[in-house]
Amino acid sequence: MTETYEVIVIGGGAAGLSAALVLGRARRRTLVVDAGEPRNAPAAHMQGFLTRDGTPPAEFLAIGRAEIARYGVDLVRDRAVDASKGDGFAVTLASGRRVRGRALVVATGLRDELPPVRQVAERFGRDVLHCPYCHGWEVRDRAFGVLATTPMSVHQALMVSQWSKDVTLFLHTVAESDLSDEDLRRLAAAGVKVVPGEVAGLVIEDDRLTGVRLADDTVHDREVLFVAPRALPRTDLLERLGAELRETPFGAYPVVDETGLTTVPDVWAAGNVMGFSEQVVNAAAAGYRAGAVINGVLLMADLDAHL
């Protein structure tokens, strides 16, 4: 039996829950499909969200789920594995359940693929970090390392120097010749030390990062390591629906207008599925905007149907 909703929100993170909150308050019959894989799960806290600064991500999501429930929004722990457009949208879940909706919000986020260096994945979100705006204040003035994976890692090293004056850029798989003269001048101006050579792994003592070990077995004392994960946007459903994607240096993301509407009518994208750098506060705002716009679109369609 196929259940019918007005709006189906795929993804139960900040963007999806925010859209669902707006739609629930607008008295729209709404379903949130949550696979339970938030991008920020490894982090102990989230920062930079006014009134929620320092909140554990799991607690933030629990509050959001409780809020949408007050307005009659349904939430199912499941994964959307297929979607098609016909008379509205049909969405198939991993459990075999099928649901239909007049509009879709795709807030499926992205997955971070970390560099294949020993201990990096195990320490990610603790003392291996990627975003100084998320964690820079908490680790300020410590000995930073930056693991280069592309010449763009220079930018990351320059940015984190705002939070510590003891920064070392480990070139790892990047050749010194790949750095431009401008890169070298800026690194020198920021006081960033550049160390060539491949990184073999991290040194962990008493459950904390104490050093970065190179392939030649030399160890550089460091307390924090910044990395740049490869972003893998979860755009499978959007692609199945025929949404146009745009290539960026950080992956392929959907083409959207200022409200998050994709090139497929009645399909909105919100959160990290729209872009690599969407923070929690940005994702929540994008979800809110999409929810409000969807309610207006549905309202006008219903009124026009009676003309």
Protein backbone atom coordinates (compact mmCIF):
# COMPACT_ATOMS: atom_id res chain seq x y z
CA MET A 1 0.00 0.00 0.00
CA THR A 2 1.40 3.40 -1.00
CA GLU A 3 0.97 6.24 1.47
CA THR A 4 0.50 9.76 0.17
CA TYR A 5 1.96 12.94 1.61
CA GLU A 6 2.05 16.49 0.40
CA VAL A 7 5.82 16.77 0.87
CA ILE A 8 8.49 14.12 1.33
CA VAL A 9 11.74 15.28 2.92
CA ILE A 10 14.64 12.92 2.26
CA GLY A 11 17.28 13.45 4.91
CA GLY A 12 16.88 14.09 8.63
CA GLY A 13 19.74 16.48 9.31
CA ALA A 14 19.54 20.21 9.99
CA ALA A 15 18.29 21.04 6.49
CA GLY A 16 15.64 18.33 6.32
CA LEU A 17 14.33 18.90 9.84
CA SER A 18 14.18 22.65 9.31
CA ALA A 19 12.16 22.22 6.11
CA ALA A 20 9.87 19.76 7.88
CA LEU A 21 9.34 22.15 10.80
CA VAL A 22 8.18 24.94 8.48
CA LEU A 23 5.93 22.57 6.52
CA GLY A 24 4.45 21.03 9.65
CA ARG A 25 3.64 24.45 11.04
CA ALA A 26 2.02 25.25 7.68
CA ARG A 27 -0.27 22.23 8.21
CA ARG A 28 1.24 20.27 5.34
CA ARG A 29 1.19 16.48 5.62
CA THR A 30 4.92 15.82 5.62
CA LEU A 31 7.18 12.79 5.88
CA VAL A 32 10.88 12.85 6.79
CA VAL A 33 12.94 9.85 5.66
CA ASP A 34 16.06 9.69 7.83
CA ALA A 35 18.85 7.19 7.13
CA GLY A 36 20.61 8.29 10.34
CA GLU A 37 23.98 9.18 8.79
CA PRO A 38 24.69 12.84 9.69
CA ARG A 39 27.94 14.18 8.33
CA ASN A 40 28.95 15.71 11.65
CA ALA A 41 28.42 12.52 13.68
CA PRO A 42 32.16 12.17 14.51
CA ALA A 43 32.20 15.61 16.15
CA ALA A 44 31.56 16.01 19.88
CA HIS A 45 30.02 19.43 19.40
CA MET A 46 28.88 21.90 16.73
CA GLN A 47 29.86 25.55 16.77
CA GLY A 48 28.80 28.83 15.23
CA PHE A 49 25.04 28.25 15.47
CA LEU A 50 23.64 31.15 17.49
CA THR A 51 22.00 29.89 20.75
CA ARG A 52 23.21 26.35 20.00
CA ASP A 53 26.97 26.93 20.06
CA GLY A 54 28.69 23.90 21.57
CA THR A 55 25.66 21.61 21.32
CA PRO A 56 26.45 17.93 20.59
CA PRO A 57 25.14 17.10 17.09
CA ALA A 58 23.08 14.14 18.35
CA GLU A 59 21.36 16.37 20.92
CA PHE A 60 20.64 19.01 18.27
CA LEU A 61 18.97 16.44 16.02
CA ALA A 62 16.98 14.94 18.90
CA ILE A 63 15.58 18.38 19.71
CA GLY A 64 14.70 18.88 16.04
CA ARG A 65 12.91 15.54 15.81
CA ALA A 66 10.87 16.36 18.92
CA GLU A 67 9.92 19.74 17.48
CA ILE A 68 8.63 18.43 14.16
CA ALA A 69 6.63 15.73 15.95
CA ARG A 70 4.64 18.45 17.73
CA TYR A 71 3.27 19.55 14.36
CA GLY A 72 2.27 16.12 13.14
CA VAL A 73 5.25 15.48 10.85
CA ASP A 74 5.96 11.78 10.37
CA LEU A 75 9.54 10.54 10.57
CA VAL A 76 10.72 7.11 9.48
CA ARG A 77 14.20 5.66 10.01
CA ASP A 78 14.81 4.30 6.54
CA ARG A 79 16.73 5.03 3.35
CA ALA A 80 15.24 6.32 0.11
CA VAL A 81 16.66 4.10 -2.64
CA ASP A 82 14.64 5.24 -5.65
CA ALA A 83 12.47 8.13 -6.77
CA SER A 84 10.49 8.74 -9.93
CA LYS A 85 8.32 11.53 -11.26
CA GLY A 86 4.86 10.95 -12.70
CA ASP A 87 1.68 12.18 -11.09
CA GLY A 88 3.74 13.72 -8.32
CA PHE A 89 6.65 11.68 -7.00
CA ALA A 90 6.99 8.04 -5.98
CA VAL A 91 9.74 7.23 -3.48
CA THR A 92 10.84 3.69 -2.65
CA LEU A 93 12.49 3.00 0.70
CA ALA A 94 15.03 0.32 1.52
CA SER A 95 12.42 -1.46 3.63
CA GLY A 96 10.22 -1.85 0.55
CA ARG A 97 7.78 0.82 1.66
CA ARG A 98 6.53 3.16 -1.07
CA VAL A 99 5.36 6.71 -0.49
CA ARG A 100 4.08 9.43 -2.78
CA GLY A 101 4.32 13.20 -2.54
CA ARG A 102 3.54 16.35 -4.46
CA ALA A 103 6.96 17.87 -3.75
CA LEU A 104 10.35 16.63 -2.61
CA VAL A 105 13.10 18.12 -0.47
CA VAL A 106 16.38 16.28 -1.02
CA ALA A 107 18.63 16.92 1.98
CA THR A 108 20.81 13.82 1.73
CA GLY A 109 24.08 15.63 2.46
CA LEU A 110 27.48 14.25 1.56
CA ARG A 111 30.09 11.79 2.76
CA ASP A 112 33.66 12.74 3.65
CA GLU A 113 36.32 10.49 2.12
CA LEU A 114 39.43 10.92 4.23
CA PRO A 115 43.04 10.60 3.02
CA PRO A 116 44.26 6.99 3.41
CA VAL A 117 46.79 7.76 6.12
CA ARG A 118 47.03 5.52 9.17
CA GLN A 119 45.02 6.76 12.19
CA VAL A 120 43.44 9.69 10.32
CA ALA A 121 39.97 8.14 10.11
CA GLU A 122 40.09 6.92 13.71
CA ARG A 123 40.93 10.41 15.04
CA PHE A 124 38.60 12.37 12.73
CA GLY A 125 36.43 14.79 14.69
CA ARG A 126 38.74 14.65 17.72
CA ASP A 127 42.24 15.93 16.99
CA VAL A 128 42.06 15.35 13.23
CA LEU A 129 39.85 18.14 11.95
CA HIS A 130 38.84 19.79 8.70
CA CYS A 131 37.08 23.09 9.48
CA PRO A 132 38.70 25.84 11.56
CA TYR A 133 35.35 27.63 11.92
CA CYS A 134 33.92 24.48 13.48
CA HIS A 135 36.83 23.61 15.79
CA GLY A 136 39.51 26.30 15.59
CA TRP A 137 38.60 28.05 18.84
CA GLU A 138 38.65 24.79 20.81
CA VAL A 139 42.20 23.93 19.67
CA ARG A 140 43.57 27.48 19.47
CA ASP A 141 47.28 28.06 20.06
CA ARG A 142 48.19 24.39 19.82
CA ALA A 143 50.75 22.91 17.44
CA PHE A 144 48.86 22.48 14.15
CA GLY A 145 49.67 20.27 11.22
CA VAL A 146 47.97 20.44 7.82
CA LEU A 147 48.00 17.37 5.59
CA ALA A 148 48.24 18.43 1.96
CA THR A 149 46.37 16.39 -0.62
CA THR A 150 46.29 18.98 -3.42
CA PRO A 151 47.94 22.39 -3.92
CA MET A 152 44.67 23.86 -2.59
CA SER A 153 45.74 22.66 0.86
CA VAL A 154 47.88 25.79 0.99
CA HIS A 155 44.67 27.75 1.48
CA GLN A 156 43.73 25.55 4.43
CA ALA A 157 47.14 26.07 6.02
CA LEU A 158 46.82 29.83 5.63
CA MET A 159 43.31 29.83 7.11
CA VAL A 160 44.18 27.84 10.22
CA SER A 161 47.06 30.21 10.96
CA GLN A 162 44.37 32.55 12.29
CA TRP A 163 43.97 30.17 15.26
CA SER A 164 47.61 29.23 15.87
CA LYS A 165 50.98 30.68 15.04
CA ASP A 166 52.58 27.22 15.13
CA VAL A 167 51.47 25.66 11.82
CA THR A 168 53.29 23.07 9.71
CA LEU A 169 52.14 22.15 6.20
CA PHE A 170 53.04 18.53 5.40
CA LEU A 171 53.19 18.33 1.61
CA HIS A 172 52.57 14.55 1.67
CA THR A 173 51.71 13.69 -1.97
CA VAL A 174 52.05 17.28 -3.26
CA ALA A 175 55.31 18.20 -4.95
CA GLU A 176 57.10 21.35 -3.84
CA SER A 177 57.13 22.44 -7.49
CA ASP A 178 53.31 22.48 -7.45
CA LEU A 179 53.31 25.45 -5.08
CA SER A 180 53.24 28.83 -6.77
CA ASP A 181 55.47 31.73 -5.87
CA GLU A 182 52.42 33.46 -4.39
CA ASP A 183 51.71 30.36 -2.26
CA LEU A 184 55.25 30.40 -0.91
CA ARG A 185 55.16 34.13 -0.17
CA ARG A 186 51.88 33.83 1.73
CA LEU A 187 53.02 30.78 3.68
CA ALA A 188 56.17 32.64 4.70
CA ALA A 189 54.17 35.72 5.68
CA ALA A 190 51.89 33.55 7.85
CA GLY A 191 54.85 31.82 9.46
CA VAL A 192 53.76 28.40 8.16
CA LYS A 193 56.58 25.84 8.02
CA VAL A 194 56.57 23.62 4.90
CA VAL A 195 57.72 20.01 5.24
CA PRO A 196 58.11 17.87 2.09
CA GLY A 197 57.76 14.11 2.12
CA GLU A 198 54.96 11.60 2.37
CA VAL A 199 53.14 11.19 5.68
CA ALA A 200 53.03 7.55 6.83
CA GLY A 201 50.81 7.91 9.88
CA LEU A 202 50.09 9.63 13.17
CA VAL A 203 51.65 9.15 16.57
CA ILE A 204 49.05 8.57 19.29
CA GLU A 205 49.96 8.51 22.99
CA ASP A 206 47.46 8.25 25.86
CA ASP A 207 44.61 8.60 23.37
CA ARG A 208 45.82 11.90 21.96
CA LEU A 209 47.71 13.02 18.88
CA THR A 210 51.33 13.86 19.67
CA GLY A 211 53.05 13.73 16.29
CA VAL A 212 53.04 13.18 12.55
CA ARG A 213 55.33 10.44 11.23
CA LEU A 214 56.80 10.69 7.74
CA ALA A 215 57.67 7.78 5.48
CA ASP A 216 61.36 8.22 6.35
CA ASP A 217 60.35 7.60 10.00
CA THR A 218 61.02 11.15 11.17
CA VAL A 219 58.42 12.48 13.61
CA HIS A 220 57.20 16.04 13.90
CA ASP A 221 55.52 16.95 17.16
CA ARG A 222 51.95 18.10 16.50
CA GLU A 223 48.80 18.23 18.62
CA VAL A 224 46.18 18.81 15.92
CA LEU A 225 46.06 17.80 12.26
CA PHE A 226 43.82 19.49 9.71
CA VAL A 227 42.86 17.52 6.62
CA ALA A 228 40.73 18.21 3.55
CA PRO A 229 38.37 15.28 2.96
CA ARG A 230 37.17 14.54 -0.54
CA ALA A 231 33.47 15.41 -0.64
CA LEU A 232 31.14 12.78 -2.08
CA PRO A 233 27.71 14.42 -2.46
CA ARG A 234 24.77 12.01 -2.11
CA THR A 235 23.07 13.03 -5.35
CA ASP A 236 21.87 9.58 -6.50
CA LEU A 237 18.17 10.41 -6.11
CA LEU A 238 18.57 13.77 -7.80
CA GLU A 239 20.30 12.12 -10.73
CA ARG A 240 17.55 9.50 -10.98
CA LEU A 241 15.04 12.32 -11.24
CA GLY A 242 17.08 13.99 -13.98
CA ALA A 243 18.38 16.98 -12.02
CA GLU A 244 21.19 18.88 -13.68
CA LEU A 245 24.52 18.88 -11.81
CA ARG A 246 27.43 21.33 -11.99
CA GLU A 247 31.05 20.36 -11.60
CA THR A 248 33.05 22.19 -8.94
CA PRO A 249 36.53 21.67 -7.46
CA PHE A 250 34.74 19.96 -4.54
CA GLY A 251 32.46 17.60 -6.48
CA ALA A 252 29.29 17.68 -8.59
CA TYR A 253 26.36 19.52 -7.01
CA PRO A 254 22.82 20.23 -8.24
CA VAL A 255 22.03 23.37 -10.16
CA VAL A 256 19.59 25.31 -7.98
CA ASP A 257 17.95 28.72 -7.86
CA GLU A 258 18.01 31.05 -4.87
CA THR A 259 15.34 28.96 -3.09
CA GLY A 260 17.07 25.60 -3.62
CA LEU A 261 14.77 24.56 -6.47
CA THR A 262 16.58 22.15 -8.79
CA THR A 263 16.10 21.88 -12.55
CA VAL A 264 13.36 19.31 -11.84
CA PRO A 265 10.06 21.07 -11.06
CA ASP A 266 8.89 20.58 -7.44
CA VAL A 267 12.22 19.13 -6.29
CA TRP A 268 14.28 21.24 -3.87
CA ALA A 269 17.78 20.58 -2.54
CA ALA A 270 19.02 21.82 0.83
CA GLY A 271 22.12 21.46 2.99
CA ASN A 272 25.41 19.79 2.07
CA VAL A 273 23.92 18.11 -0.98
CA MET A 274 23.99 21.67 -2.41
CA GLY A 275 27.58 22.43 -1.53
CA PHE A 276 30.66 21.31 0.38
CA SER A 277 30.89 24.30 2.74
CA GLU A 278 27.30 24.42 4.03
CA GLN A 279 27.57 24.64 7.82
CA VAL A 280 24.73 23.53 10.13
CA VAL A 281 23.37 27.06 10.40
CA ASN A 282 23.42 27.46 6.61
CA ALA A 283 21.74 24.08 6.12
CA ALA A 284 18.99 24.95 8.58
CA ALA A 285 18.39 28.27 6.81
CA ALA A 286 18.25 26.55 3.41
CA GLY A 287 15.73 24.05 4.74
CA TYR A 288 13.58 26.82 6.19
CA ARG A 289 13.62 28.71 2.89
CA ALA A 290 12.73 25.62 0.87
CA GLY A 291 9.87 24.72 3.23
CA ALA A 292 8.35 28.18 3.05
CA VAL A 293 8.61 28.32 -0.74
CA ILE A 294 7.12 24.85 -1.15
CA ASN A 295 4.12 25.77 0.99
CA GLY A 296 3.49 28.82 -1.19
CA VAL A 297 3.84 26.84 -4.41
CA LEU A 298 1.38 24.19 -3.24
CA LEU A 299 -1.07 26.82 -2.01
CA MET A 300 -1.10 28.66 -5.33
CA ALA A 301 -1.45 25.40 -7.27
CA ASP A 302 -4.49 24.44 -5.19
CA LEU A 303 -6.07 27.88 -5.63
CA ASP A 304 -5.43 27.87 -9.38
CA ALA A 305 -7.03 24.44 -9.65
CA HIS A 306 -10.33 26.01 -8.57
CA LEU A 307 -10.27 28.86 -11.10
